[in-house]
PDB file of N, CA and C in Angstrom:
ATOM      1  N   MET A   1      39.979 178.176 160.278  1.00  0.00           N
ATOM      2  CA  MET A   1      39.915 177.732 158.959  1.00  0.00           C
ATOM      3  C   MET A   1      38.447 177.081 158.809  1.00  0.00           C
ATOM      4  N   THR A   2      38.095 176.995 157.625  1.00  0.00           N
ATOM      5  CA  THR A   2      36.760 176.530 157.333  1.00  0.00           C
ATOM      6  C   THR A   2      36.838 175.262 156.487  1.00  0.00           C
ATOM      7  N   ARG A   3      36.207 174.151 156.735  1.00  0.00           N
ATOM      8  CA  ARG A   3      36.249 173.064 155.932  1.00  0.00           C
ATOM      9  C   ARG A   3      35.491 173.421 154.563  1.00  0.00           C
ATOM     10  N   ASN A   4      36.006 173.014 153.476  1.00  0.00           N
ATOM     11  CA  ASN A   4      35.210 173.286 152.103  1.00  0.00           C
ATOM     12  C   ASN A   4      34.843 174.596 152.017  1.00  0.00           C
ATOM     13  N   GLY A   5      35.933 175.555 152.320  1.00  0.00           N
ATOM     14  CA  GLY A   5      35.605 177.027 152.236  1.00  0.00           C
ATOM     15  C   GLY A   5      35.490 177.543 150.831  1.00  0.00           C
ATOM     16  N   LYS A   6      34.932 178.679 150.518  1.00  0.00           N
ATOM     17  CA  LYS A   6      35.006 179.270 149.150  1.00  0.00           C
ATOM     18  C   LYS A   6      36.308 179.657 148.626  1.00  0.00           C
ATOM     19  N   THR A   7      36.491 179.356 147.400  1.00  0.00           N
ATOM     20  CA  THR A   7      37.666 179.808 146.678  1.00  0.00           C
ATOM     21  C   THR A   7      37.308 180.494 145.267  1.00  0.00           C
ATOM     22  N   ILE A   8      38.292 180.955 144.642  1.00  0.00           N
ATOM     23  CA  ILE A   8      38.001 181.604 143.384  1.00  0.00           C
ATOM     24  C   ILE A   8      39.162 181.182 142.508  1.00  0.00           C
ATOM     25  N   GLN A   9      38.943 180.919 141.307  1.00  0.00           N
ATOM     26  CA  GLN A   9      40.115 180.478 140.367  1.00  0.00           C
ATOM     27  C   GLN A   9      40.755 181.740 139.933  1.00  0.00           C
ATOM     28  N   ALA A  10      42.103 181.561 139.498  1.00  0.00           N
ATOM     29  CA  ALA A  10      42.878 182.776 139.161  1.00  0.00           C
ATOM     30  C   ALA A  10      42.296 183.537 137.866  1.00  0.00           C
ATOM     31  N   ASP A  11      41.665 182.756 137.024  1.00  0.00           N
ATOM     32  CA  ASP A  11      41.202 183.328 135.764  1.00  0.00           C
ATOM     33  C   ASP A  11      39.874 184.071 135.773  1.00  0.00           C
ATOM     34  N   HIS A  12      39.252 184.002 137.031  1.00  0.00           N
ATOM     35  CA  HIS A  12      37.943 184.792 137.283  1.00  0.00           C
ATOM     36  C   HIS A  12      38.118 186.345 137.370  1.00  0.00           C
ATOM     37  N   LEU A  13      37.169 187.098 137.090  1.00  0.00           N
ATOM     38  CA  LEU A  13      37.272 188.593 137.402  1.00  0.00           C
ATOM     39  C   LEU A  13      37.239 188.927 138.801  1.00  0.00           C
ATOM     40  N   ALA A  14      37.759 190.023 139.172  1.00  0.00           N
ATOM     41  CA  ALA A  14      37.712 190.572 140.474  1.00  0.00           C
ATOM     42  C   ALA A  14      36.379 190.882 140.856  1.00  0.00           C
ATOM     43  N   ALA A  15      35.551 191.340 139.979  1.00  0.00           N
ATOM     44  CA  ALA A  15      34.097 191.556 140.286  1.00  0.00           C
ATOM     45  C   ALA A  15      33.314 190.230 140.755  1.00  0.00           C
ATOM     46  N   GLU A  16      33.685 189.120 140.182  1.00  0.00           N
ATOM     47  CA  GLU A  16      33.209 187.841 140.621  1.00  0.00           C
ATOM     48  C   GLU A  16      33.601 187.579 142.179  1.00  0.00           C
ATOM     49  N   ALA A  17      34.874 187.832 142.513  1.00  0.00           N
ATOM     50  CA  ALA A  17      35.402 187.606 143.880  1.00  0.00           C
ATOM     51  C   ALA A  17      34.532 188.669 144.733  1.00  0.00           C
ATOM     52  N   LEU A  18      34.343 189.811 144.344  1.00  0.00           N
ATOM     53  CA  LEU A  18      33.598 190.606 145.122  1.00  0.00           C
ATOM     54  C   LEU A  18      32.184 190.180 145.416  1.00  0.00           C
ATOM     55  N   ASN A  19      31.458 189.637 144.296  1.00  0.00           N
ATOM     56  CA  ASN A  19      30.242 189.085 144.590  1.00  0.00           C
ATOM     57  C   ASN A  19      30.153 187.913 145.617  1.00  0.00           C
ATOM     58  N   ILE A  20      31.254 187.118 145.486  1.00  0.00           N
ATOM     59  CA  ILE A  20      31.258 186.030 146.387  1.00  0.00           C
ATOM     60  C   ILE A  20      31.518 186.401 147.763  1.00  0.00           C
ATOM     61  N   MET A  21      32.439 187.397 147.955  1.00  0.00           N
ATOM     62  CA  MET A  21      32.633 187.857 149.305  1.00  0.00           C
ATOM     63  C   MET A  21      31.455 188.538 149.936  1.00  0.00           C
ATOM     64  N   GLU A  22      30.678 189.350 149.079  1.00  0.00           N
ATOM     65  CA  GLU A  22      29.530 190.000 149.625  1.00  0.00           C
ATOM     66  C   GLU A  22      28.464 188.939 149.977  1.00  0.00           C
ATOM     67  N   GLU A  23      28.285 187.890 149.159  1.00  0.00           N
ATOM     68  CA  GLU A  23      27.108 186.968 149.295  1.00  0.00           C
ATOM     69  C   GLU A  23      27.439 186.165 150.647  1.00  0.00           C
ATOM     70  N   MET A  24      28.810 185.754 150.678  1.00  0.00           N
ATOM     71  CA  MET A  24      29.164 184.879 151.799  1.00  0.00           C
ATOM     72  C   MET A  24      29.598 185.711 153.007  1.00  0.00           C
ATOM     73  N   LYS A  25      29.409 187.096 153.063  1.00  0.00           N
ATOM     74  CA  LYS A  25      29.875 187.962 154.127  1.00  0.00           C
ATOM     75  C   LYS A  25      31.322 187.509 154.717  1.00  0.00           C
ATOM     76  N   ILE A  26      32.110 187.587 153.798  1.00  0.00           N
ATOM     77  CA  ILE A  26      33.603 187.335 154.058  1.00  0.00           C
ATOM     78  C   ILE A  26      34.448 188.409 153.596  1.00  0.00           C
ATOM     79  N   ASN A  27      35.602 188.573 154.013  1.00  0.00           N
ATOM     80  CA  ASN A  27      36.530 189.475 153.535  1.00  0.00           C
ATOM     81  C   ASN A  27      37.745 189.220 152.589  1.00  0.00           C
ATOM     82  N   ALA A  28      37.963 187.888 152.432  1.00  0.00           N
ATOM     83  CA  ALA A  28      39.028 187.388 151.691  1.00  0.00           C
ATOM     84  C   ALA A  28      38.696 186.049 151.073  1.00  0.00           C
ATOM     85  N   LEU A  29      39.463 185.850 150.005  1.00  0.00           N
ATOM     86  CA  LEU A  29      39.136 184.503 149.270  1.00  0.00           C
ATOM     87  C   LEU A  29      40.560 183.869 148.974  1.00  0.00           C
ATOM     88  N   PRO A  30      40.793 182.642 149.089  1.00  0.00           N
ATOM     89  CA  PRO A  30      41.985 182.074 148.443  1.00  0.00           C
ATOM     90  C   PRO A  30      41.704 181.926 146.961  1.00  0.00           C
ATOM     91  N   VAL A  31      42.888 182.056 146.317  1.00  0.00           N
ATOM     92  CA  VAL A  31      42.817 182.078 144.782  1.00  0.00           C
ATOM     93  C   VAL A  31      43.560 180.670 144.394  1.00  0.00           C
ATOM     94  N   THR A  32      42.859 179.898 143.646  1.00  0.00           N
ATOM     95  CA  THR A  32      43.440 178.516 143.143  1.00  0.00           C
ATOM     96  C   THR A  32      43.618 178.656 141.608  1.00  0.00           C
ATOM     97  N   ASP A  33      44.506 177.674 141.078  1.00  0.00           N
ATOM     98  CA  ASP A  33      44.741 177.520 139.780  1.00  0.00           C
ATOM     99  C   ASP A  33      43.679 176.267 139.305  1.00  0.00           C
ATOM    100  N   ASP A  34      43.831 175.955 138.099  1.00  0.00           N
ATOM    101  CA  ASP A  34      42.896 174.977 137.496  1.00  0.00           C
ATOM    102  C   ASP A  34      42.884 173.622 138.239  1.00  0.00           C
ATOM    103  N   ASP A  35      43.959 173.356 138.852  1.00  0.00           N
ATOM    104  CA  ASP A  35      44.241 172.014 139.578  1.00  0.00           C
ATOM    105  C   ASP A  35      43.802 172.080 141.035  1.00  0.00           C
ATOM    106  N   GLY A  36      43.281 173.303 141.431  1.00  0.00           N
ATOM    107  CA  GLY A  36      42.942 173.520 142.834  1.00  0.00           C
ATOM    108  C   GLY A  36      44.066 173.688 143.798  1.00  0.00           C
ATOM    109  N   ASN A  37      45.206 174.055 143.187  1.00  0.00           N
ATOM    110  CA  ASN A  37      46.379 174.407 144.049  1.00  0.00           C
ATOM    111  C   ASN A  37      46.309 175.935 144.341  1.00  0.00           C
ATOM    112  N   LEU A  38      46.587 176.257 145.621  1.00  0.00           N
ATOM    113  CA  LEU A  38      46.576 177.589 146.244  1.00  0.00           C
ATOM    114  C   LEU A  38      47.584 178.427 145.483  1.00  0.00           C
ATOM    115  N   VAL A  39      47.269 179.479 144.795  1.00  0.00           N
ATOM    116  CA  VAL A  39      48.305 180.429 144.238  1.00  0.00           C
ATOM    117  C   VAL A  39      48.287 181.791 144.837  1.00  0.00           C
ATOM    118  N   GLY A  40      47.397 182.036 145.754  1.00  0.00           N
ATOM    119  CA  GLY A  40      47.325 183.455 146.220  1.00  0.00           C
ATOM    120  C   GLY A  40      45.994 183.650 147.028  1.00  0.00           C
ATOM    121  N   ALA A  41      45.798 184.932 147.430  1.00  0.00           N
ATOM    122  CA  ALA A  41      44.654 185.273 148.110  1.00  0.00           C
ATOM    123  C   ALA A  41      44.147 186.688 147.725  1.00  0.00           C
ATOM    124  N   ILE A  42      43.075 187.021 147.666  1.00  0.00           N
ATOM    125  CA  ILE A  42      42.467 188.385 147.449  1.00  0.00           C
ATOM    126  C   ILE A  42      41.443 188.822 148.461  1.00  0.00           C
ATOM    127  N   ASN A  43      41.705 189.991 148.963  1.00  0.00           N
ATOM    128  CA  ASN A  43      40.753 190.584 149.985  1.00  0.00           C
ATOM    129  C   ASN A  43      40.207 191.878 149.542  1.00  0.00           C
ATOM    130  N   MET A  44      39.309 192.383 150.432  1.00  0.00           N
ATOM    131  CA  MET A  44      38.599 193.633 150.138  1.00  0.00           C
ATOM    132  C   MET A  44      39.587 194.766 149.869  1.00  0.00           C
ATOM    133  N   HIS A  45      40.644 194.820 150.759  1.00  0.00           N
ATOM    134  CA  HIS A  45      41.529 195.890 150.577  1.00  0.00           C
ATOM    135  C   HIS A  45      42.241 195.922 149.119  1.00  0.00           C
ATOM    136  N   ASP A  46      42.383 194.747 148.678  1.00  0.00           N
ATOM    137  CA  ASP A  46      43.044 194.641 147.162  1.00  0.00           C
ATOM    138  C   ASP A  46      42.054 195.104 146.134  1.00  0.00           C
ATOM    139  N   LEU A  47      40.635 194.831 146.524  1.00  0.00           N
ATOM    140  CA  LEU A  47      39.726 195.304 145.470  1.00  0.00           C
ATOM    141  C   LEU A  47      39.439 196.806 145.611  1.00  0.00           C
ATOM    142  N   LEU A  48      39.609 197.338 146.775  1.00  0.00           N
ATOM    143  CA  LEU A  48      39.572 198.909 146.902  1.00  0.00           C
ATOM    144  C   LEU A  48      40.673 199.586 146.315  1.00  0.00           C
ATOM    145  N   ARG A  49      41.963 198.990 146.413  1.00  0.00           N
ATOM    146  CA  ARG A  49      43.165 199.507 145.784  1.00  0.00           C
ATOM    147  C   ARG A  49      42.966 199.627 144.385  1.00  0.00           C
ATOM    148  N   ALA A  50      42.343 198.545 143.783  1.00  0.00           N
ATOM    149  CA  ALA A  50      42.283 198.322 142.331  1.00  0.00           C
ATOM    150  C   ALA A  50      40.993 199.213 141.806  1.00  0.00           C
ATOM    151  N   GLY A  51      40.203 199.650 142.535  1.00  0.00           N
ATOM    152  CA  GLY A  51      39.191 200.480 142.156  1.00  0.00           C
ATOM    153  C   GLY A  51      37.842 199.661 141.637  1.00  0.00           C
ATOM    154  N   VAL A  52      37.813 198.287 142.064  1.00  0.00           N
ATOM    155  CA  VAL A  52      36.747 197.481 141.787  1.00  0.00           C
ATOM    156  C   VAL A  52      35.552 197.849 142.635  1.00  0.00           C
ATOM    157  N   ILE A  53      35.828 198.413 143.995  1.00  0.00           N
ATOM    158  CA  ILE A  53      34.711 198.731 144.810  1.00  0.00           C
ATOM    159  C   ILE A  53      34.586 200.219 144.733  1.00  0.00           C
TER     160      ILE A  53
END
């Protein structure tokens, strides 16, 4: 676990998640709601399956 790690809000585009992952050299991001509560996670495999990559 990383303190103050990167997250993405659920209403952001998958392409934004990809940009963050590439910039930070990570393979997954926690997804949060507007209040900062964890609602899921997205990883490179999800983006590949969705055709984003």
